[in-house]
Amino acid sequence: MSAFEIQGKIISISDLQEFPSGFSKREFVLEAMDGKYPQEIKFDCIKEKADLLNNLSKGDEVQVHFNIRGSEHKGRHYVNLHAWKILKGDGGDPNPATNRALSSLEAAFDNEPDPADRVDDEPPF
């Protein structure tokens, strides 16, 4: 399934919830503008991703990268939005180690030619 992203302001962050099975999660609510009416959208950070919220506070402008997950339990269907990356609104990552890792990865691909500039004589099939 594709990843999605959205920008908005954090309006609440919950405490870490730990379950007997060893599963843990932390939830937060983001206020995102949709036309003239703001939308309040709840996200989950599961397992080690809960640490993404440690350096964030209520009122912070962020960009959230997330996946949509759906499940069925006893005839009811549920949808969860699992955040896997959160960037502060200024483009800075609240987790500097992630920024360093991304910079290294991006540097590795800096020498790659732009696919639009390549001329191939062979058809793409």
PDB file of N, CA and C in Angstrom:
ATOM      1  N   MET A   1       0.850  -1.170   0.000  1.00  0.00           N
ATOM      2  CA  MET A   1       0.000   0.000   0.000  1.00  0.00           C
ATOM      3  C   MET A   1       0.895   1.233   0.000  1.00  0.00           C
ATOM      4  N   SER A   2       0.439   2.271  -0.604  1.00  0.00           N
ATOM      5  CA  SER A   2       1.198   3.509  -0.723  1.00  0.00           C
ATOM      6  C   SER A   2       1.301   4.245   0.606  1.00  0.00           C
ATOM      7  N   ALA A   3       2.334   5.047   0.710  1.00  0.00           N
ATOM      8  CA  ALA A   3       2.503   5.913   1.877  1.00  0.00           C
ATOM      9  C   ALA A   3       1.858   7.262   1.570  1.00  0.00           C
ATOM     10  N   PHE A   4       1.427   7.941   2.604  1.00  0.00           N
ATOM     11  CA  PHE A   4       0.762   9.231   2.479  1.00  0.00           C
ATOM     12  C   PHE A   4       1.473  10.238   3.369  1.00  0.00           C
ATOM     13  N   GLU A   5       1.209  11.519   3.134  1.00  0.00           N
ATOM     14  CA  GLU A   5       1.751  12.556   4.009  1.00  0.00           C
ATOM     15  C   GLU A   5       0.738  13.682   4.147  1.00  0.00           C
ATOM     16  N   ILE A   6       0.817  14.371   5.279  1.00  0.00           N
ATOM     17  CA  ILE A   6      -0.093  15.470   5.575  1.00  0.00           C
ATOM     18  C   ILE A   6       0.633  16.455   6.484  1.00  0.00           C
ATOM     19  N   GLN A   7       0.262  17.724   6.390  1.00  0.00           N
ATOM     20  CA  GLN A   7       0.845  18.750   7.250  1.00  0.00           C
ATOM     21  C   GLN A   7      -0.232  19.311   8.157  1.00  0.00           C
ATOM     22  N   GLY A   8       0.178  19.692   9.352  1.00  0.00           N
ATOM     23  CA  GLY A   8      -0.765  20.286  10.282  1.00  0.00           C
ATOM     24  C   GLY A   8      -0.105  20.612  11.604  1.00  0.00           C
ATOM     25  N   LYS A   9      -0.950  20.921  12.592  1.00  0.00           N
ATOM     26  CA  LYS A   9      -0.481  21.310  13.918  1.00  0.00           C
ATOM     27  C   LYS A   9      -0.885  20.231  14.915  1.00  0.00           C
ATOM     28  N   ILE A  10       0.059  19.835  15.763  1.00  0.00           N
ATOM     29  CA  ILE A  10      -0.234  18.845  16.802  1.00  0.00           C
ATOM     30  C   ILE A  10      -1.125  19.496  17.852  1.00  0.00           C
ATOM     31  N   ILE A  11      -2.267  18.850  18.143  1.00  0.00           N
ATOM     32  CA  ILE A  11      -3.153  19.410  19.170  1.00  0.00           C
ATOM     33  C   ILE A  11      -3.190  18.543  20.423  1.00  0.00           C
ATOM     34  N   SER A  12      -2.700  17.302  20.339  1.00  0.00           N
ATOM     35  CA  SER A  12      -2.551  16.492  21.556  1.00  0.00           C
ATOM     36  C   SER A  12      -1.614  15.324  21.286  1.00  0.00           C
ATOM     37  N   ILE A  13      -0.922  14.907  22.346  1.00  0.00           N
ATOM     38  CA  ILE A  13      -0.037  13.742  22.304  1.00  0.00           C
ATOM     39  C   ILE A  13      -0.337  12.918  23.545  1.00  0.00           C
ATOM     40  N   SER A  14      -0.635  11.633  23.354  1.00  0.00           N
ATOM     41  CA  SER A  14      -0.953  10.771  24.495  1.00  0.00           C
ATOM     42  C   SER A  14       0.319  10.196  25.113  1.00  0.00           C
ATOM     43  N   ASP A  15       0.162   9.642  26.303  1.00  0.00           N
ATOM     44  CA  ASP A  15       1.250   8.913  26.939  1.00  0.00           C
ATOM     45  C   ASP A  15       1.413   7.564  26.244  1.00  0.00           C
ATOM     46  N   LEU A  16       2.558   6.942  26.436  1.00  0.00           N
ATOM     47  CA  LEU A  16       2.822   5.624  25.876  1.00  0.00           C
ATOM     48  C   LEU A  16       1.882   4.602  26.505  1.00  0.00           C
ATOM     49  N   GLN A  17       1.243   3.792  25.676  1.00  0.00           N
ATOM     50  CA  GLN A  17       0.384   2.707  26.146  1.00  0.00           C
ATOM     51  C   GLN A  17       1.118   1.392  25.910  1.00  0.00           C
ATOM     52  N   GLU A  18       1.284   0.606  26.969  1.00  0.00           N
ATOM     53  CA  GLU A  18       1.945  -0.690  26.850  1.00  0.00           C
ATOM     54  C   GLU A  18       0.944  -1.775  27.204  1.00  0.00           C
ATOM     55  N   PHE A  19       0.939  -2.842  26.416  1.00  0.00           N
ATOM     56  CA  PHE A  19      -0.015  -3.924  26.582  1.00  0.00           C
ATOM     57  C   PHE A  19       0.708  -5.190  27.029  1.00  0.00           C
ATOM     58  N   PRO A  20      -0.004  -6.116  27.710  1.00  0.00           N
ATOM     59  CA  PRO A  20       0.621  -7.345  28.214  1.00  0.00           C
ATOM     60  C   PRO A  20       1.320  -8.172  27.128  1.00  0.00           C
ATOM     61  N   SER A  21       0.874  -8.058  25.896  1.00  0.00           N
ATOM     62  CA  SER A  21       1.476  -8.825  24.799  1.00  0.00           C
ATOM     63  C   SER A  21       2.856  -8.293  24.414  1.00  0.00           C
ATOM     64  N   GLY A  22       3.251  -7.138  24.959  1.00  0.00           N
ATOM     65  CA  GLY A  22       4.519  -6.518  24.598  1.00  0.00           C
ATOM     66  C   GLY A  22       4.354  -5.414  23.562  1.00  0.00           C
ATOM     67  N   PHE A  23       3.156  -5.275  23.028  1.00  0.00           N
ATOM     68  CA  PHE A  23       2.847  -4.236  22.044  1.00  0.00           C
ATOM     69  C   PHE A  23       2.768  -2.884  22.748  1.00  0.00           C
ATOM     70  N   SER A  24       3.274  -1.846  22.107  1.00  0.00           N
ATOM     71  CA  SER A  24       3.171  -0.501  22.677  1.00  0.00           C
ATOM     72  C   SER A  24       2.812   0.481  21.569  1.00  0.00           C
ATOM     73  N   LYS A  25       2.112   1.540  21.968  1.00  0.00           N
ATOM     74  CA  LYS A  25       1.766   2.573  20.998  1.00  0.00           C
ATOM     75  C   LYS A  25       1.567   3.900  21.704  1.00  0.00           C
ATOM     76  N   ARG A  26       1.650   4.935  20.902  1.00  0.00           N
ATOM     77  CA  ARG A  26       1.404   6.292  21.370  1.00  0.00           C
ATOM     78  C   ARG A  26       0.585   6.984  20.288  1.00  0.00           C
ATOM     79  N   GLU A  27      -0.413   7.732  20.696  1.00  0.00           N
ATOM     80  CA  GLU A  27      -1.290   8.394  19.737  1.00  0.00           C
ATOM     81  C   GLU A  27      -1.089   9.906  19.792  1.00  0.00           C
ATOM     82  N   PHE A  28      -1.364  10.553  18.675  1.00  0.00           N
ATOM     83  CA  PHE A  28      -1.384  12.010  18.655  1.00  0.00           C
ATOM     84  C   PHE A  28      -2.459  12.465  17.678  1.00  0.00           C
ATOM     85  N   VAL A  29      -2.931  13.681  17.883  1.00  0.00           N
ATOM     86  CA  VAL A  29      -3.969  14.247  17.023  1.00  0.00           C
ATOM     87  C   VAL A  29      -3.385  15.459  16.311  1.00  0.00           C
ATOM     88  N   LEU A  30      -3.621  15.495  15.018  1.00  0.00           N
ATOM     89  CA  LEU A  30      -3.130  16.562  14.157  1.00  0.00           C
ATOM     90  C   LEU A  30      -4.321  17.361  13.638  1.00  0.00           C
ATOM     91  N   GLU A  31      -4.211  18.676  13.679  1.00  0.00           N
ATOM     92  CA  GLU A  31      -5.235  19.530  13.079  1.00  0.00           C
ATOM     93  C   GLU A  31      -4.733  19.949  11.703  1.00  0.00           C
ATOM     94  N   ALA A  32      -5.462  19.529  10.672  1.00  0.00           N
ATOM     95  CA  ALA A  32      -5.097  19.847   9.295  1.00  0.00           C
ATOM     96  C   ALA A  32      -6.237  20.628   8.655  1.00  0.00           C
ATOM     97  N   MET A  33      -5.889  21.614   7.867  1.00  0.00           N
ATOM     98  CA  MET A  33      -6.910  22.422   7.205  1.00  0.00           C
ATOM     99  C   MET A  33      -7.423  21.702   5.963  1.00  0.00           C
ATOM    100  N   ASP A  34      -8.749  21.696   5.822  1.00  0.00           N
ATOM    101  CA  ASP A  34      -9.399  21.125   4.647  1.00  0.00           C
ATOM    102  C   ASP A  34     -10.444  22.141   4.207  1.00  0.00           C
ATOM    103  N   GLY A  35     -10.054  22.985   3.269  1.00  0.00           N
ATOM    104  CA  GLY A  35     -10.948  24.084   2.901  1.00  0.00           C
ATOM    105  C   GLY A  35     -11.003  25.077   4.041  1.00  0.00           C
ATOM    106  N   LYS A  36     -12.200  25.461   4.448  1.00  0.00           N
ATOM    107  CA  LYS A  36     -12.297  26.421   5.550  1.00  0.00           C
ATOM    108  C   LYS A  36     -12.518  25.758   6.899  1.00  0.00           C
ATOM    109  N   TYR A  37     -12.643  24.427   6.919  1.00  0.00           N
ATOM    110  CA  TYR A  37     -12.886  23.722   8.174  1.00  0.00           C
ATOM    111  C   TYR A  37     -11.689  22.848   8.548  1.00  0.00           C
ATOM    112  N   PRO A  38     -11.154  23.014   9.748  1.00  0.00           N
ATOM    113  CA  PRO A  38     -10.037  22.161  10.171  1.00  0.00           C
ATOM    114  C   PRO A  38     -10.524  20.740  10.465  1.00  0.00           C
ATOM    115  N   GLN A  39      -9.662  19.778  10.196  1.00  0.00           N
ATOM    116  CA  GLN A  39      -9.945  18.375  10.479  1.00  0.00           C
ATOM    117  C   GLN A  39      -9.008  17.920  11.590  1.00  0.00           C
ATOM    118  N   GLU A  40      -9.536  17.191  12.560  1.00  0.00           N
ATOM    119  CA  GLU A  40      -8.713  16.621  13.629  1.00  0.00           C
ATOM    120  C   GLU A  40      -8.538  15.141  13.327  1.00  0.00           C
ATOM    121  N   ILE A  41      -7.288  14.748  13.092  1.00  0.00           N
ATOM    122  CA  ILE A  41      -6.986  13.403  12.622  1.00  0.00           C
ATOM    123  C   ILE A  41      -6.070  12.718  13.623  1.00  0.00           C
ATOM    124  N   LYS A  42      -6.473  11.515  14.071  1.00  0.00           N
ATOM    125  CA  LYS A  42      -5.691  10.767  15.055  1.00  0.00           C
ATOM    126  C   LYS A  42      -4.742   9.802  14.346  1.00  0.00           C
ATOM    127  N   PHE A  43      -3.488   9.797  14.788  1.00  0.00           N
ATOM    128  CA  PHE A  43      -2.465   8.899  14.268  1.00  0.00           C
ATOM    129  C   PHE A  43      -1.932   8.033  15.400  1.00  0.00           C
ATOM    130  N   ASP A  44      -1.410   6.862  15.031  1.00  0.00           N
ATOM    131  CA  ASP A  44      -0.737   5.968  15.969  1.00  0.00           C
ATOM    132  C   ASP A  44       0.741   5.913  15.617  1.00  0.00           C
ATOM    133  N   CYS A  45       1.585   5.841  16.631  1.00  0.00           N
ATOM    134  CA  CYS A  45       3.001   5.515  16.468  1.00  0.00           C
ATOM    135  C   CYS A  45       3.190   4.215  17.233  1.00  0.00           C
ATOM    136  N   ILE A  46       3.475   3.139  16.526  1.00  0.00           N
ATOM    137  CA  ILE A  46       3.550   1.838  17.179  1.00  0.00           C
ATOM    138  C   ILE A  46       4.999   1.401  17.390  1.00  0.00           C
ATOM    139  N   LYS A  47       5.168   0.615  18.452  1.00  0.00           N
ATOM    140  CA  LYS A  47       6.464   0.059  18.856  1.00  0.00           C
ATOM    141  C   LYS A  47       7.513   1.161  18.966  1.00  0.00           C
ATOM    142  N   GLU A  48       8.668   0.987  18.289  1.00  0.00           N
ATOM    143  CA  GLU A  48       9.765   1.953  18.422  1.00  0.00           C
ATOM    144  C   GLU A  48       9.446   3.304  17.787  1.00  0.00           C
ATOM    145  N   LYS A  49       8.448   3.373  16.928  1.00  0.00           N
ATOM    146  CA  LYS A  49       8.075   4.650  16.310  1.00  0.00           C
ATOM    147  C   LYS A  49       7.457   5.618  17.322  1.00  0.00           C
ATOM    148  N   ALA A  50       7.055   5.120  18.493  1.00  0.00           N
ATOM    149  CA  ALA A  50       6.520   5.994  19.546  1.00  0.00           C
ATOM    150  C   ALA A  50       7.554   7.041  19.958  1.00  0.00           C
ATOM    151  N   ASP A  51       8.834   6.717  19.798  1.00  0.00           N
ATOM    152  CA  ASP A  51       9.902   7.662  20.145  1.00  0.00           C
ATOM    153  C   ASP A  51       9.905   8.904  19.248  1.00  0.00           C
ATOM    154  N   LEU A  52       9.261   8.831  18.081  1.00  0.00           N
ATOM    155  CA  LEU A  52       9.201   9.991  17.190  1.00  0.00           C
ATOM    156  C   LEU A  52       8.537  11.191  17.854  1.00  0.00           C
ATOM    157  N   LEU A  53       7.702  10.934  18.850  1.00  0.00           N
ATOM    158  CA  LEU A  53       6.957  12.013  19.503  1.00  0.00           C
ATOM    159  C   LEU A  53       7.704  12.635  20.680  1.00  0.00           C
ATOM    160  N   ASN A  54       8.842  12.063  21.067  1.00  0.00           N
ATOM    161  CA  ASN A  54       9.557  12.537  22.256  1.00  0.00           C
ATOM    162  C   ASN A  54       9.972  14.001  22.185  1.00  0.00           C
ATOM    163  N   ASN A  55      10.372  14.483  21.018  1.00  0.00           N
ATOM    164  CA  ASN A  55      10.866  15.859  20.887  1.00  0.00           C
ATOM    165  C   ASN A  55       9.825  16.815  20.311  1.00  0.00           C
ATOM    166  N   LEU A  56       8.560  16.398  20.344  1.00  0.00           N
ATOM    167  CA  LEU A  56       7.489  17.238  19.809  1.00  0.00           C
ATOM    168  C   LEU A  56       6.553  17.672  20.920  1.00  0.00           C
ATOM    169  N   SER A  57       5.858  18.781  20.698  1.00  0.00           N
ATOM    170  CA  SER A  57       4.939  19.329  21.695  1.00  0.00           C
ATOM    171  C   SER A  57       3.651  19.774  21.028  1.00  0.00           C
ATOM    172  N   LYS A  58       2.645  19.937  21.867  1.00  0.00           N
ATOM    173  CA  LYS A  58       1.378  20.491  21.409  1.00  0.00           C
ATOM    174  C   LYS A  58       1.657  21.852  20.773  1.00  0.00           C
ATOM    175  N   GLY A  59       1.064  22.106  19.604  1.00  0.00           N
ATOM    176  CA  GLY A  59       1.262  23.372  18.903  1.00  0.00           C
ATOM    177  C   GLY A  59       2.322  23.324  17.816  1.00  0.00           C
ATOM    178  N   ASP A  60       3.162  22.277  17.790  1.00  0.00           N
ATOM    179  CA  ASP A  60       4.194  22.166  16.755  1.00  0.00           C
ATOM    180  C   ASP A  60       3.565  21.928  15.388  1.00  0.00           C
ATOM    181  N   GLU A  61       4.073  22.626  14.381  1.00  0.00           N
ATOM    182  CA  GLU A  61       3.686  22.386  12.991  1.00  0.00           C
ATOM    183  C   GLU A  61       4.569  21.258  12.472  1.00  0.00           C
ATOM    184  N   VAL A  62       3.944  20.222  11.896  1.00  0.00           N
ATOM    185  CA  VAL A  62       4.692  19.048  11.456  1.00  0.00           C
ATOM    186  C   VAL A  62       4.181  18.543  10.112  1.00  0.00           C
ATOM    187  N   GLN A  63       5.015  17.728   9.503  1.00  0.00           N
ATOM    188  CA  GLN A  63       4.623  16.967   8.322  1.00  0.00           C
ATOM    189  C   GLN A  63       4.693  15.503   8.738  1.00  0.00           C
ATOM    190  N   VAL A  64       3.597  14.775   8.559  1.00  0.00           N
ATOM    191  CA  VAL A  64       3.503  13.384   8.994  1.00  0.00           C
ATOM    192  C   VAL A  64       3.453  12.474   7.770  1.00  0.00           C
ATOM    193  N   HIS A  65       4.326  11.482   7.745  1.00  0.00           N
ATOM    194  CA  HIS A  65       4.306  10.437   6.721  1.00  0.00           C
ATOM    195  C   HIS A  65       3.673   9.219   7.388  1.00  0.00           C
ATOM    196  N   PHE A  66       2.701   8.599   6.718  1.00  0.00           N
ATOM    197  CA  PHE A  66       1.962   7.522   7.364  1.00  0.00           C
ATOM    198  C   PHE A  66       1.449   6.499   6.358  1.00  0.00           C
ATOM    199  N   ASN A  67       1.059   5.350   6.891  1.00  0.00           N
ATOM    200  CA  ASN A  67       0.412   4.291   6.127  1.00  0.00           C
ATOM    201  C   ASN A  67      -0.988   4.095   6.678  1.00  0.00           C
ATOM    202  N   ILE A  68      -1.892   3.654   5.832  1.00  0.00           N
ATOM    203  CA  ILE A  68      -3.258   3.347   6.253  1.00  0.00           C
ATOM    204  C   ILE A  68      -3.357   1.842   6.448  1.00  0.00           C
ATOM    205  N   ARG A  69      -3.875   1.444   7.592  1.00  0.00           N
ATOM    206  CA  ARG A  69      -4.066   0.025   7.896  1.00  0.00           C
ATOM    207  C   ARG A  69      -5.522  -0.200   8.268  1.00  0.00           C
ATOM    208  N   GLY A  70      -6.099  -1.266   7.752  1.00  0.00           N
ATOM    209  CA  GLY A  70      -7.478  -1.603   8.064  1.00  0.00           C
ATOM    210  C   GLY A  70      -7.573  -3.032   8.564  1.00  0.00           C
ATOM    211  N   SER A  71      -8.555  -3.278   9.423  1.00  0.00           N
ATOM    212  CA  SER A  71      -8.762  -4.629   9.938  1.00  0.00           C
ATOM    213  C   SER A  71     -10.230  -4.820  10.293  1.00  0.00           C
ATOM    214  N   GLU A  72     -10.590  -6.080  10.490  1.00  0.00           N
ATOM    215  CA  GLU A  72     -11.947  -6.442  10.880  1.00  0.00           C
ATOM    216  C   GLU A  72     -11.861  -7.237  12.168  1.00  0.00           C
ATOM    217  N   HIS A  73     -12.758  -6.960  13.101  1.00  0.00           N
ATOM    218  CA  HIS A  73     -12.819  -7.707  14.354  1.00  0.00           C
ATOM    219  C   HIS A  73     -14.280  -7.815  14.767  1.00  0.00           C
ATOM    220  N   LYS A  74     -14.756  -9.036  14.838  1.00  0.00           N
ATOM    221  CA  LYS A  74     -16.143  -9.314  15.241  1.00  0.00           C
ATOM    222  C   LYS A  74     -17.155  -8.517  14.422  1.00  0.00           C
ATOM    223  N   GLY A  75     -16.961  -8.493  13.120  1.00  0.00           N
ATOM    224  CA  GLY A  75     -17.909  -7.844  12.228  1.00  0.00           C
ATOM    225  C   GLY A  75     -17.770  -6.338  12.103  1.00  0.00           C
ATOM    226  N   ARG A  76     -16.849  -5.741  12.841  1.00  0.00           N
ATOM    227  CA  ARG A  76     -16.624  -4.292  12.748  1.00  0.00           C
ATOM    228  C   ARG A  76     -15.301  -4.045  12.038  1.00  0.00           C
ATOM    229  N   HIS A  77     -15.264  -3.004  11.262  1.00  0.00           N
ATOM    230  CA  HIS A  77     -14.049  -2.655  10.531  1.00  0.00           C
ATOM    231  C   HIS A  77     -13.399  -1.423  11.157  1.00  0.00           C
ATOM    232  N   TYR A  78     -12.082  -1.470  11.213  1.00  0.00           N
ATOM    233  CA  TYR A  78     -11.303  -0.403  11.839  1.00  0.00           C
ATOM    234  C   TYR A  78     -10.248   0.101  10.861  1.00  0.00           C
ATOM    235  N   VAL A  79      -9.958   1.379  10.933  1.00  0.00           N
ATOM    236  CA  VAL A  79      -8.909   1.994  10.124  1.00  0.00           C
ATOM    237  C   VAL A  79      -7.943   2.694  11.072  1.00  0.00           C
ATOM    238  N   ASN A  80      -6.658   2.440  10.884  1.00  0.00           N
ATOM    239  CA  ASN A  80      -5.621   3.087  11.688  1.00  0.00           C
ATOM    240  C   ASN A  80      -4.651   3.799  10.756  1.00  0.00           C
ATOM    241  N   LEU A  81      -4.188   4.938  11.194  1.00  0.00           N
ATOM    242  CA  LEU A  81      -3.180   5.693  10.464  1.00  0.00           C
ATOM    243  C   LEU A  81      -1.878   5.581  11.250  1.00  0.00           C
ATOM    244  N   HIS A  82      -0.930   4.800  10.722  1.00  0.00           N
ATOM    245  CA  HIS A  82       0.337   4.546  11.413  1.00  0.00           C
ATOM    246  C   HIS A  82       1.414   5.501  10.906  1.00  0.00           C
ATOM    247  N   ALA A  83       1.807   6.450  11.748  1.00  0.00           N
ATOM    248  CA  ALA A  83       2.870   7.395  11.395  1.00  0.00           C
ATOM    249  C   ALA A  83       4.218   6.685  11.482  1.00  0.00           C
ATOM    250  N   TRP A  84       5.063   6.905  10.488  1.00  0.00           N
ATOM    251  CA  TRP A  84       6.396   6.300  10.498  1.00  0.00           C
ATOM    252  C   TRP A  84       7.502   7.338  10.348  1.00  0.00           C
ATOM    253  N   LYS A  85       7.123   8.584  10.081  1.00  0.00           N
ATOM    254  CA  LYS A  85       8.111   9.662  10.008  1.00  0.00           C
ATOM    255  C   LYS A  85       7.384  10.968  10.306  1.00  0.00           C
ATOM    256  N   ILE A  86       7.980  11.796  11.153  1.00  0.00           N
ATOM    257  CA  ILE A  86       7.390  13.082  11.500  1.00  0.00           C
ATOM    258  C   ILE A  86       8.483  14.144  11.399  1.00  0.00           C
ATOM    259  N   LEU A  87       8.247  15.150  10.563  1.00  0.00           N
ATOM    260  CA  LEU A  87       9.191  16.250  10.392  1.00  0.00           C
ATOM    261  C   LEU A  87       8.565  17.524  10.923  1.00  0.00           C
ATOM    262  N   LYS A  88       9.359  18.319  11.628  1.00  0.00           N
ATOM    263  CA  LYS A  88       8.846  19.613  12.087  1.00  0.00           C
ATOM    264  C   LYS A  88       8.556  20.486  10.877  1.00  0.00           C
ATOM    265  N   GLY A  89       7.624  21.430  11.042  1.00  0.00           N
ATOM    266  CA  GLY A  89       7.170  22.291   9.949  1.00  0.00           C
ATOM    267  C   GLY A  89       8.262  23.043   9.240  1.00  0.00           C
ATOM    268  N   ASP A  90       9.371  23.334   9.930  1.00  0.00           N
ATOM    269  CA  ASP A  90      10.467  24.053   9.294  1.00  0.00           C
ATOM    270  C   ASP A  90      11.324  23.133   8.437  1.00  0.00           C
ATOM    271  N   GLY A  91      10.896  21.871   8.304  1.00  0.00           N
ATOM    272  CA  GLY A  91      11.648  20.917   7.500  1.00  0.00           C
ATOM    273  C   GLY A  91      12.699  20.186   8.298  1.00  0.00           C
ATOM    274  N   GLY A  92      12.883  20.563   9.559  1.00  0.00           N
ATOM    275  CA  GLY A  92      13.869  19.899  10.402  1.00  0.00           C
ATOM    276  C   GLY A  92      13.292  18.659  11.040  1.00  0.00           C
ATOM    277  N   ASP A  93      14.081  17.623  11.104  1.00  0.00           N
ATOM    278  CA  ASP A  93      13.649  16.377  11.723  1.00  0.00           C
ATOM    279  C   ASP A  93      13.876  16.490  13.225  1.00  0.00           C
ATOM    280  N   PRO A  94      12.867  16.184  14.070  1.00  0.00           N
ATOM    281  CA  PRO A  94      13.086  16.243  15.509  1.00  0.00           C
ATOM    282  C   PRO A  94      14.047  15.165  15.987  1.00  0.00           C
ATOM    283  N   ASN A  95      14.409  14.240  15.103  1.00  0.00           N
ATOM    284  CA  ASN A  95      15.340  13.168  15.430  1.00  0.00           C
ATOM    285  C   ASN A  95      16.569  13.330  14.541  1.00  0.00           C
ATOM    286  N   PRO A  96      17.624  14.013  15.014  1.00  0.00           N
ATOM    287  CA  PRO A  96      18.787  14.325  14.181  1.00  0.00           C
ATOM    288  C   PRO A  96      19.453  13.105  13.565  1.00  0.00           C
ATOM    289  N   ALA A  97      19.414  11.954  14.223  1.00  0.00           N
ATOM    290  CA  ALA A  97      20.033  10.751  13.667  1.00  0.00           C
ATOM    291  C   ALA A  97      19.357  10.370  12.356  1.00  0.00           C
ATOM    292  N   THR A  98      18.064  10.570  12.265  1.00  0.00           N
ATOM    293  CA  THR A  98      17.341  10.280  11.033  1.00  0.00           C
ATOM    294  C   THR A  98      17.819  11.206   9.928  1.00  0.00           C
ATOM    295  N   ASN A  99      18.032  12.476  10.245  1.00  0.00           N
ATOM    296  CA  ASN A  99      18.528  13.428   9.247  1.00  0.00           C
ATOM    297  C   ASN A  99      19.884  13.000   8.707  1.00  0.00           C
ATOM    298  N   ARG A 100      20.788  12.564   9.601  1.00  0.00           N
ATOM    299  CA  ARG A 100      22.115  12.132   9.164  1.00  0.00           C
ATOM    300  C   ARG A 100      22.007  10.922   8.256  1.00  0.00           C
ATOM    301  N   ALA A 101      21.157   9.957   8.605  1.00  0.00           N
ATOM    302  CA  ALA A 101      21.002   8.754   7.792  1.00  0.00           C
ATOM    303  C   ALA A 101      20.436   9.105   6.422  1.00  0.00           C
ATOM    304  N   LEU A 102      19.453   9.992   6.380  1.00  0.00           N
ATOM    305  CA  LEU A 102      18.873  10.397   5.103  1.00  0.00           C
ATOM    306  C   LEU A 102      19.887  11.145   4.257  1.00  0.00           C
ATOM    307  N   SER A 103      20.709  12.004   4.885  1.00  0.00           N
ATOM    308  CA  SER A 103      21.722  12.745   4.142  1.00  0.00           C
ATOM    309  C   SER A 103      22.713  11.792   3.498  1.00  0.00           C
ATOM    310  N   SER A 104      23.110  10.750   4.216  1.00  0.00           N
ATOM    311  CA  SER A 104      24.044   9.767   3.671  1.00  0.00           C
ATOM    312  C   SER A 104      23.419   9.030   2.500  1.00  0.00           C
ATOM    313  N   LEU A 105      22.166   8.660   2.639  1.00  0.00           N
ATOM    314  CA  LEU A 105      21.467   7.949   1.575  1.00  0.00           C
ATOM    315  C   LEU A 105      21.305   8.841   0.350  1.00  0.00           C
ATOM    316  N   GLU A 106      20.916  10.094   0.567  1.00  0.00           N
ATOM    317  CA  GLU A 106      20.746  11.018  -0.549  1.00  0.00           C
ATOM    318  C   GLU A 106      22.074  11.271  -1.251  1.00  0.00           C
ATOM    319  N   ALA A 107      23.158  11.377  -0.491  1.00  0.00           N
ATOM    320  CA  ALA A 107      24.477  11.613  -1.079  1.00  0.00           C
ATOM    321  C   ALA A 107      24.888  10.449  -1.973  1.00  0.00           C
ATOM    322  N   ALA A 108      24.495   9.242  -1.603  1.00  0.00           N
ATOM    323  CA  ALA A 108      24.840   8.070  -2.394  1.00  0.00           C
ATOM    324  C   ALA A 108      24.200   8.117  -3.775  1.00  0.00           C
ATOM    325  N   PHE A 109      23.083   8.802  -3.900  1.00  0.00           N
ATOM    326  CA  PHE A 109      22.373   8.860  -5.168  1.00  0.00           C
ATOM    327  C   PHE A 109      22.590  10.171  -5.923  1.00  0.00           C
ATOM    328  N   ASP A 110      23.410  11.064  -5.386  1.00  0.00           N
ATOM    329  CA  ASP A 110      23.649  12.347  -6.042  1.00  0.00           C
ATOM    330  C   ASP A 110      24.288  12.193  -7.414  1.00  0.00           C
ATOM    331  N   ASN A 111      25.079  11.150  -7.622  1.00  0.00           N
ATOM    332  CA  ASN A 111      25.785  10.973  -8.885  1.00  0.00           C
ATOM    333  C   ASN A 111      24.951  10.254  -9.934  1.00  0.00           C
ATOM    334  N   GLU A 112      23.766   9.817  -9.570  1.00  0.00           N
ATOM    335  CA  GLU A 112      22.894   9.124 -10.512  1.00  0.00           C
ATOM    336  C   GLU A 112      22.358  10.123 -11.531  1.00  0.00           C
ATOM    337  N   PRO A 113      22.335   9.748 -12.818  1.00  0.00           N
ATOM    338  CA  PRO A 113      21.764  10.665 -13.813  1.00  0.00           C
ATOM    339  C   PRO A 113      20.250  10.756 -13.651  1.00  0.00           C
ATOM    340  N   ASP A 114      19.716  11.893 -14.003  1.00  0.00           N
ATOM    341  CA  ASP A 114      18.271  12.094 -13.956  1.00  0.00           C
ATOM    342  C   ASP A 114      17.640  11.204 -15.024  1.00  0.00           C
ATOM    343  N   PRO A 115      16.659  10.364 -14.658  1.00  0.00           N
ATOM    344  CA  PRO A 115      16.037   9.473 -15.642  1.00  0.00           C
ATOM    345  C   PRO A 115      15.474  10.227 -16.847  1.00  0.00           C
ATOM    346  N   ALA A 116      15.042  11.466 -16.679  1.00  0.00           N
ATOM    347  CA  ALA A 116      14.490  12.238 -17.796  1.00  0.00           C
ATOM    348  C   ALA A 116      15.579  12.624 -18.798  1.00  0.00           C
ATOM    349  N   ASP A 117      16.839  12.664 -18.338  1.00  0.00           N
ATOM    350  CA  ASP A 117      17.943  13.052 -19.215  1.00  0.00           C
ATOM    351  C   ASP A 117      18.535  11.873 -19.976  1.00  0.00           C
ATOM    352  N   ARG A 118      18.198  10.671 -19.581  1.00  0.00           N
ATOM    353  CA  ARG A 118      18.764   9.490 -20.236  1.00  0.00           C
ATOM    354  C   ARG A 118      18.106   9.278 -21.592  1.00  0.00           C
ATOM    355  N   VAL A 119      18.908   8.846 -22.553  1.00  0.00           N
ATOM    356  CA  VAL A 119      18.385   8.508 -23.874  1.00  0.00           C
ATOM    357  C   VAL A 119      18.620   7.022 -24.059  1.00  0.00           C
ATOM    358  N   ASP A 120      17.542   6.281 -24.174  1.00  0.00           N
ATOM    359  CA  ASP A 120      17.647   4.840 -24.374  1.00  0.00           C
ATOM    360  C   ASP A 120      17.174   4.498 -25.777  1.00  0.00           C
ATOM    361  N   ASP A 121      17.968   3.685 -26.456  1.00  0.00           N
ATOM    362  CA  ASP A 121      17.554   3.211 -27.769  1.00  0.00           C
ATOM    363  C   ASP A 121      16.621   2.020 -27.641  1.00  0.00           C
ATOM    364  N   GLU A 122      16.651   1.385 -26.490  1.00  0.00           N
ATOM    365  CA  GLU A 122      15.838   0.196 -26.267  1.00  0.00           C
ATOM    366  C   GLU A 122      14.468   0.581 -25.733  1.00  0.00           C
ATOM    367  N   PRO A 123      13.415  -0.086 -26.189  1.00  0.00           N
ATOM    368  CA  PRO A 123      12.089   0.158 -25.597  1.00  0.00           C
ATOM    369  C   PRO A 123      12.068  -0.339 -24.154  1.00  0.00           C
ATOM    370  N   PRO A 124      11.203   0.219 -23.318  1.00  0.00           N
ATOM    371  CA  PRO A 124      11.207  -0.121 -21.888  1.00  0.00           C
ATOM    372  C   PRO A 124      10.565  -1.456 -21.549  1.00  0.00           C
ATOM    373  N   PHE A 125      10.384  -2.348 -22.531  1.00  0.00           N
ATOM    374  CA  PHE A 125       9.779  -3.654 -22.221  1.00  0.00           C
ATOM    375  C   PHE A 125      10.629  -4.786 -22.664  1.00  0.00           C
TER     376      PHE A 125
END
